[in-house]
Amino acid sequence: MCGGYTDKPEECLISVVIPTYNRAEYLERSIKSVLNQNYKNLEVLIVDDGSTDRTEEVVTSLSDERLRYIRQACNQGAPVARNKGVACAKGEWVAFQDSDDCWHSDKLSRQMSYWQQHSEYSMIYSAYQLRRINGDTVRVPYAETWGNLEGDIFQTLLVNNTVGTPTMLFRRQCFQEIGGFREGMECLEDWDFSLRFAEKYKIGFVEEPLVDAFLVSGGISSNVGKFCLNRCRMIVWYKKQLLDRGLFDRVVGDLVKRAKDWGILEQVEAMLTLMLTTPGDIM
């Protein structure tokens, strides 16, 4: 059992969940970066979210007993796929990989070693290199990121999305206790999940980038409309916490600035106003 401190972190089974939808051209690279970890005690769950391309063929062509393929009948979105993967996981620790990203070979070993030194943390995440379509590379979290990156980072996460999904390694029990990902979100579900996790648990941070995250054409992260919709939802969901910490105007101001830069200020202001004044569940 790895529920507490252990002198042998390599004995912990880690379940790696990879949700995927029509990413066959990138998927093999992503899976191999997990299978080639120098931390070997892991299982890899590929949750195929109703792909119509060669996804199943790519997975079945990889011969490794640690691979498990889970096929969903229809596309239901990344939050559903991730929740399904964790529900099928056997490990006490869980990590997420995206189907178009790459892990460094020492990612899991570095994170487990860090947890061994800081067993008070229920999640360990790391920096990552964001590789843009134009070839630019950016380190995340940014050097000028406001707030703490380790320990109690809930306040930081109210302002900044610092925890990349492919960098996460966390206790499965904690995932279950907070209810996993909020289903129905098509964007920023990772940010919302990190916030709910950080509100209850302490989180550790490895400063070195351990993941290469690629922005690909057609990815959810490039959809401005979905970003604005779900950022408005999050402002409403966390309104009390933002107000209590004097951060509400700051966060709304950031969204307004983005919307102005994107040329959709009136639409976003109207949407946020409607959500803030509409009683009940905005989902």
Protein backbone atom coordinates (compact mmCIF):
# COMPACT_ATOMS: atom_id res chain seq x y z
CA MET A 1 0.00 0.00 0.00
CA CYS A 2 1.18 3.52 -0.81
CA GLY A 3 -1.36 5.50 1.18
CA GLY A 4 1.37 6.94 3.39
CA TYR A 5 5.13 7.33 3.42
CA THR A 6 7.17 4.52 1.93
CA ASP A 7 10.90 3.92 1.52
CA LYS A 8 10.17 2.25 -1.81
CA PRO A 9 7.96 4.53 -3.94
CA GLU A 10 8.65 2.29 -6.95
CA GLU A 11 6.33 -0.29 -5.34
CA CYS A 12 3.32 1.98 -5.95
CA LEU A 13 1.23 1.08 -8.99
CA ILE A 14 0.50 4.19 -11.04
CA SER A 15 -2.49 4.19 -13.39
CA VAL A 16 -1.97 6.46 -16.38
CA VAL A 17 -5.20 7.54 -18.09
CA ILE A 18 -5.05 8.77 -21.69
CA PRO A 19 -8.37 10.02 -23.10
CA THR A 20 -8.34 10.32 -26.88
CA TYR A 21 -10.63 11.30 -29.72
CA ASN A 22 -9.46 11.12 -33.34
CA ARG A 23 -5.80 11.72 -32.53
CA ALA A 24 -4.37 8.59 -34.17
CA GLU A 25 -1.54 10.52 -35.84
CA TYR A 26 -0.17 11.66 -32.46
CA LEU A 27 -1.30 8.86 -30.16
CA GLU A 28 1.55 6.38 -30.62
CA ARG A 29 4.16 9.01 -29.68
CA SER A 30 2.16 9.89 -26.57
CA ILE A 31 1.70 6.28 -25.43
CA LYS A 32 5.34 5.38 -26.02
CA SER A 33 6.48 8.32 -23.91
CA VAL A 34 4.54 6.72 -21.04
CA LEU A 35 5.63 3.13 -21.67
CA ASN A 36 9.26 4.30 -21.87
CA GLN A 37 9.23 5.79 -18.39
CA ASN A 38 12.10 4.66 -16.17
CA TYR A 39 9.38 4.13 -13.54
CA LYS A 40 8.04 0.73 -14.62
CA ASN A 41 5.24 -0.15 -12.18
CA LEU A 42 2.36 1.31 -14.13
CA GLU A 43 -0.70 0.51 -16.18
CA VAL A 44 -1.85 2.61 -19.13
CA LEU A 45 -5.56 3.01 -19.80
CA ILE A 46 -6.43 4.34 -23.25
CA VAL A 47 -10.00 5.66 -23.15
CA ASP A 48 -11.15 5.95 -26.76
CA ASP A 49 -13.96 8.51 -26.67
CA GLY A 50 -15.76 7.29 -29.79
CA SER A 51 -12.98 7.86 -32.34
CA THR A 52 -13.72 7.30 -36.02
CA ASP A 53 -10.09 7.15 -37.19
CA ARG A 54 -7.33 4.52 -36.71
CA THR A 55 -7.13 4.93 -32.93
CA GLU A 56 -7.93 1.32 -32.05
CA GLU A 57 -5.50 0.03 -34.66
CA VAL A 58 -2.72 2.22 -33.24
CA VAL A 59 -3.31 0.97 -29.70
CA THR A 60 -3.57 -2.72 -30.60
CA SER A 61 -0.36 -2.50 -32.63
CA LEU A 62 1.59 -1.72 -29.45
CA SER A 63 2.51 -4.92 -27.68
CA ASP A 64 2.75 -4.22 -23.96
CA GLU A 65 0.88 -6.05 -21.21
CA ARG A 66 0.54 -2.80 -19.26
CA LEU A 67 -1.81 -1.36 -21.92
CA ARG A 68 -5.60 -1.46 -21.49
CA TYR A 69 -7.94 -0.24 -24.22
CA ILE A 70 -11.38 1.08 -23.23
CA ARG A 71 -13.77 1.97 -26.02
CA GLN A 72 -16.70 4.35 -25.50
CA ALA A 73 -19.60 3.93 -27.91
CA CYS A 74 -19.89 7.65 -28.66
CA ASN A 75 -18.01 10.87 -28.08
CA GLN A 76 -18.85 12.30 -24.65
CA GLY A 77 -15.93 14.66 -24.00
CA ALA A 78 -12.64 14.55 -22.11
CA PRO A 79 -14.13 14.92 -18.58
CA VAL A 80 -16.28 11.82 -19.07
CA ALA A 81 -13.39 9.88 -20.59
CA ARG A 82 -11.02 10.79 -17.74
CA ASN A 83 -13.60 9.88 -15.12
CA LYS A 84 -14.17 6.55 -16.87
CA GLY A 85 -10.44 5.84 -16.92
CA VAL A 86 -10.02 6.54 -13.21
CA ALA A 87 -13.07 4.40 -12.42
CA CYS A 88 -11.30 1.48 -14.17
CA ALA A 89 -7.90 2.20 -12.63
CA LYS A 90 -6.21 -0.23 -10.26
CA GLY A 91 -3.41 2.00 -8.98
CA GLU A 92 -3.50 4.05 -5.82
CA TRP A 93 -1.85 6.86 -7.74
CA VAL A 94 -3.20 8.24 -11.04
CA ALA A 95 -1.61 10.36 -13.75
CA PHE A 96 -3.12 11.87 -16.88
CA GLN A 97 -1.51 12.08 -20.28
CA ASP A 98 -2.98 13.84 -23.32
CA SER A 99 -3.00 11.97 -26.60
CA ASP A 100 -0.93 14.62 -28.40
CA ASP A 101 1.70 15.34 -25.71
CA CYS A 102 5.02 13.78 -24.67
CA TRP A 103 6.39 12.94 -21.23
CA HIS A 104 10.09 13.11 -20.39
CA SER A 105 11.36 9.63 -19.52
CA ASP A 106 11.90 10.51 -15.84
CA LYS A 107 8.55 12.24 -15.23
CA LEU A 108 6.96 9.67 -12.93
CA SER A 109 10.16 8.77 -11.10
CA ARG A 110 10.88 12.44 -10.39
CA GLN A 111 7.37 13.00 -9.09
CA MET A 112 7.34 9.90 -6.90
CA SER A 113 10.75 10.81 -5.52
CA TYR A 114 9.45 14.28 -4.69
CA TRP A 115 6.42 12.83 -2.95
CA GLN A 116 8.71 10.55 -0.93
CA GLN A 117 10.36 13.71 0.43
CA HIS A 118 7.05 15.58 0.90
CA SER A 119 4.41 13.02 1.85
CA GLU A 120 2.00 15.76 2.97
CA TYR A 121 1.11 16.41 -0.68
CA SER A 122 -1.80 14.60 -2.36
CA MET A 123 -0.89 15.79 -5.85
CA ILE A 124 2.47 16.45 -7.46
CA TYR A 125 2.58 18.43 -10.69
CA SER A 126 5.41 19.93 -12.71
CA ALA A 127 6.27 22.69 -15.11
CA TYR A 128 5.88 21.90 -18.80
CA GLN A 129 7.00 23.21 -22.17
CA LEU A 130 4.11 24.51 -24.28
CA ARG A 131 5.00 24.14 -27.95
CA ARG A 132 2.94 26.39 -30.18
CA ILE A 133 2.00 25.69 -33.81
CA ASN A 134 4.32 28.49 -35.01
CA GLY A 135 7.29 26.79 -33.34
CA ASP A 136 7.52 29.03 -30.28
CA THR A 137 8.11 27.34 -26.93
CA VAL A 138 6.85 28.72 -23.62
CA ARG A 139 7.50 27.40 -20.11
CA VAL A 140 4.38 27.04 -17.93
CA PRO A 141 3.86 28.22 -15.23
CA TYR A 142 5.25 31.51 -16.46
CA ALA A 143 8.07 33.14 -14.50
CA GLU A 144 5.81 36.08 -13.57
CA THR A 145 2.93 33.88 -12.34
CA TRP A 146 1.26 35.44 -9.31
CA GLY A 147 0.93 33.45 -6.08
CA ASN A 148 2.34 30.26 -4.58
CA LEU A 149 2.99 27.25 -6.79
CA GLU A 150 3.18 24.71 -3.97
CA GLY A 151 1.38 23.88 -0.74
CA ASP A 152 -1.93 25.71 -0.42
CA ILE A 153 -2.32 26.95 -4.00
CA PHE A 154 -6.10 27.43 -4.08
CA GLN A 155 -5.80 31.23 -4.14
CA THR A 156 -3.21 31.06 -6.93
CA LEU A 157 -5.53 28.86 -8.98
CA LEU A 158 -8.40 31.29 -8.58
CA VAL A 159 -6.33 33.65 -10.74
CA ASN A 160 -4.00 31.44 -12.80
CA ASN A 161 -4.36 28.07 -14.51
CA THR A 162 -0.94 26.75 -13.46
CA VAL A 163 -1.51 22.96 -13.31
CA GLY A 164 -1.34 21.22 -16.69
CA THR A 165 -3.39 18.02 -16.88
CA PRO A 166 -0.53 15.91 -18.36
CA THR A 167 1.70 16.96 -15.44
CA MET A 168 -0.64 15.76 -12.68
CA LEU A 169 0.10 12.80 -10.41
CA PHE A 170 -2.34 12.36 -7.52
CA ARG A 171 -3.94 9.95 -5.08
CA ARG A 172 -6.91 8.17 -6.62
CA GLN A 173 -8.82 8.39 -3.33
CA CYS A 174 -8.65 12.19 -3.44
CA PHE A 175 -9.99 12.20 -7.00
CA GLN A 176 -12.95 10.14 -5.87
CA GLU A 177 -13.58 12.33 -2.83
CA ILE A 178 -13.92 15.52 -4.89
CA GLY A 179 -16.04 13.82 -7.55
CA GLY A 180 -13.57 13.79 -10.43
CA PHE A 181 -13.97 16.09 -13.41
CA ARG A 182 -17.10 18.16 -13.83
CA GLU A 183 -18.83 16.56 -16.82
CA GLY A 184 -20.39 18.91 -19.35
CA MET A 185 -17.38 21.24 -19.58
CA GLU A 186 -15.77 21.32 -23.04
CA CYS A 187 -12.90 23.55 -21.97
CA LEU A 188 -11.05 24.49 -18.73
CA GLU A 189 -12.24 21.33 -16.99
CA ASP A 190 -8.63 20.81 -15.86
CA TRP A 191 -8.57 24.25 -14.21
CA ASP A 192 -11.86 23.60 -12.41
CA PHE A 193 -10.64 20.17 -11.27
CA SER A 194 -7.39 21.64 -9.94
CA LEU A 195 -9.31 24.30 -8.02
CA ARG A 196 -11.58 21.79 -6.32
CA PHE A 197 -8.57 19.58 -5.54
CA ALA A 198 -6.53 22.49 -4.12
CA GLU A 199 -9.43 23.68 -1.99
CA LYS A 200 -9.18 20.42 -0.03
CA TYR A 201 -5.59 19.13 -0.38
CA LYS A 202 -2.01 20.37 -0.47
CA ILE A 203 -0.19 20.15 -3.78
CA GLY A 204 3.53 19.81 -4.55
CA PHE A 205 5.44 21.24 -7.51
CA VAL A 206 8.49 20.02 -9.44
CA GLU A 207 10.08 23.08 -11.03
CA GLU A 208 11.73 21.33 -13.98
CA PRO A 209 9.55 20.86 -17.09
CA LEU A 210 8.70 17.15 -17.36
CA VAL A 211 6.18 17.32 -20.23
CA ASP A 212 6.15 18.70 -23.77
CA ALA A 213 2.61 19.88 -24.53
CA PHE A 214 1.79 20.50 -28.19
CA LEU A 215 -0.92 22.88 -29.38
CA VAL A 216 -2.39 21.16 -32.43
CA SER A 217 -4.88 22.45 -34.95
CA GLY A 218 -8.45 21.78 -33.85
CA GLY A 219 -7.57 21.27 -30.19
CA ILE A 220 -10.03 22.33 -27.50
CA SER A 221 -7.50 24.74 -25.98
CA SER A 222 -7.58 26.85 -29.17
CA ASN A 223 -11.37 27.45 -29.09
CA VAL A 224 -12.00 31.01 -27.89
CA GLY A 225 -15.77 30.66 -27.56
CA LYS A 226 -15.58 27.61 -25.31
CA PHE A 227 -12.88 29.26 -23.21
CA CYS A 228 -15.02 32.34 -22.57
CA LEU A 229 -18.15 30.34 -21.81
CA ASN A 230 -16.43 28.14 -19.26
CA ARG A 231 -14.39 30.97 -17.74
CA CYS A 232 -17.69 32.80 -17.10
CA ARG A 233 -19.07 29.65 -15.48
CA MET A 234 -16.04 29.38 -13.22
CA ILE A 235 -16.34 33.01 -12.13
CA VAL A 236 -19.91 32.30 -11.07
CA TRP A 237 -19.05 29.00 -9.34
CA TYR A 238 -16.19 30.57 -7.36
CA LYS A 239 -17.72 34.01 -6.89
CA LYS A 240 -17.81 33.77 -3.08
CA GLN A 241 -14.20 32.61 -2.82
CA LEU A 242 -13.09 35.36 -5.21
CA LEU A 243 -14.96 38.03 -3.27
CA ASP A 244 -13.71 36.77 0.10
CA ARG A 245 -10.10 37.12 -1.12
CA GLY A 246 -10.56 40.41 -2.95
CA LEU A 247 -9.86 38.79 -6.32
CA PHE A 248 -13.22 39.10 -8.08
CA ASP A 249 -12.50 42.37 -9.92
CA ARG A 250 -9.04 41.15 -10.89
CA VAL A 251 -10.33 37.91 -12.44
CA VAL A 252 -13.24 39.59 -14.23
CA GLY A 253 -10.86 42.28 -15.50
CA ASP A 254 -8.57 39.63 -16.96
CA LEU A 255 -11.46 38.02 -18.83
CA VAL A 256 -12.67 41.41 -20.09
CA LYS A 257 -9.18 42.23 -21.39
CA ARG A 258 -8.98 38.91 -23.23
CA ALA A 259 -12.45 39.36 -24.69
CA LYS A 260 -11.55 42.86 -25.90
CA ASP A 261 -8.37 41.56 -27.54
CA TRP A 262 -10.41 38.84 -29.27
CA GLY A 263 -13.07 41.32 -30.46
CA ILE A 264 -15.95 39.73 -28.52
CA LEU A 265 -16.17 42.06 -25.50
CA GLU A 266 -19.91 42.81 -25.76
CA GLN A 267 -20.85 39.15 -26.08
CA VAL A 268 -18.72 38.07 -23.12
CA GLU A 269 -19.93 40.92 -20.89
CA ALA A 270 -23.54 40.04 -21.70
CA MET A 271 -22.94 36.35 -21.03
CA LEU A 272 -21.22 36.96 -17.69
CA THR A 273 -23.89 39.43 -16.56
CA LEU A 274 -26.63 36.94 -17.40
CA MET A 275 -24.91 34.13 -15.51
CA LEU A 276 -24.24 36.28 -12.44
CA THR A 277 -27.87 37.40 -12.24
CA THR A 278 -29.52 34.07 -13.07
CA PRO A 279 -30.41 31.97 -10.00
CA GLY A 280 -29.76 28.25 -9.90
CA ASP A 281 -27.31 25.96 -11.67
CA ILE A 282 -25.75 27.53 -14.76
CA MET A 283 -24.60 24.22 -16.23
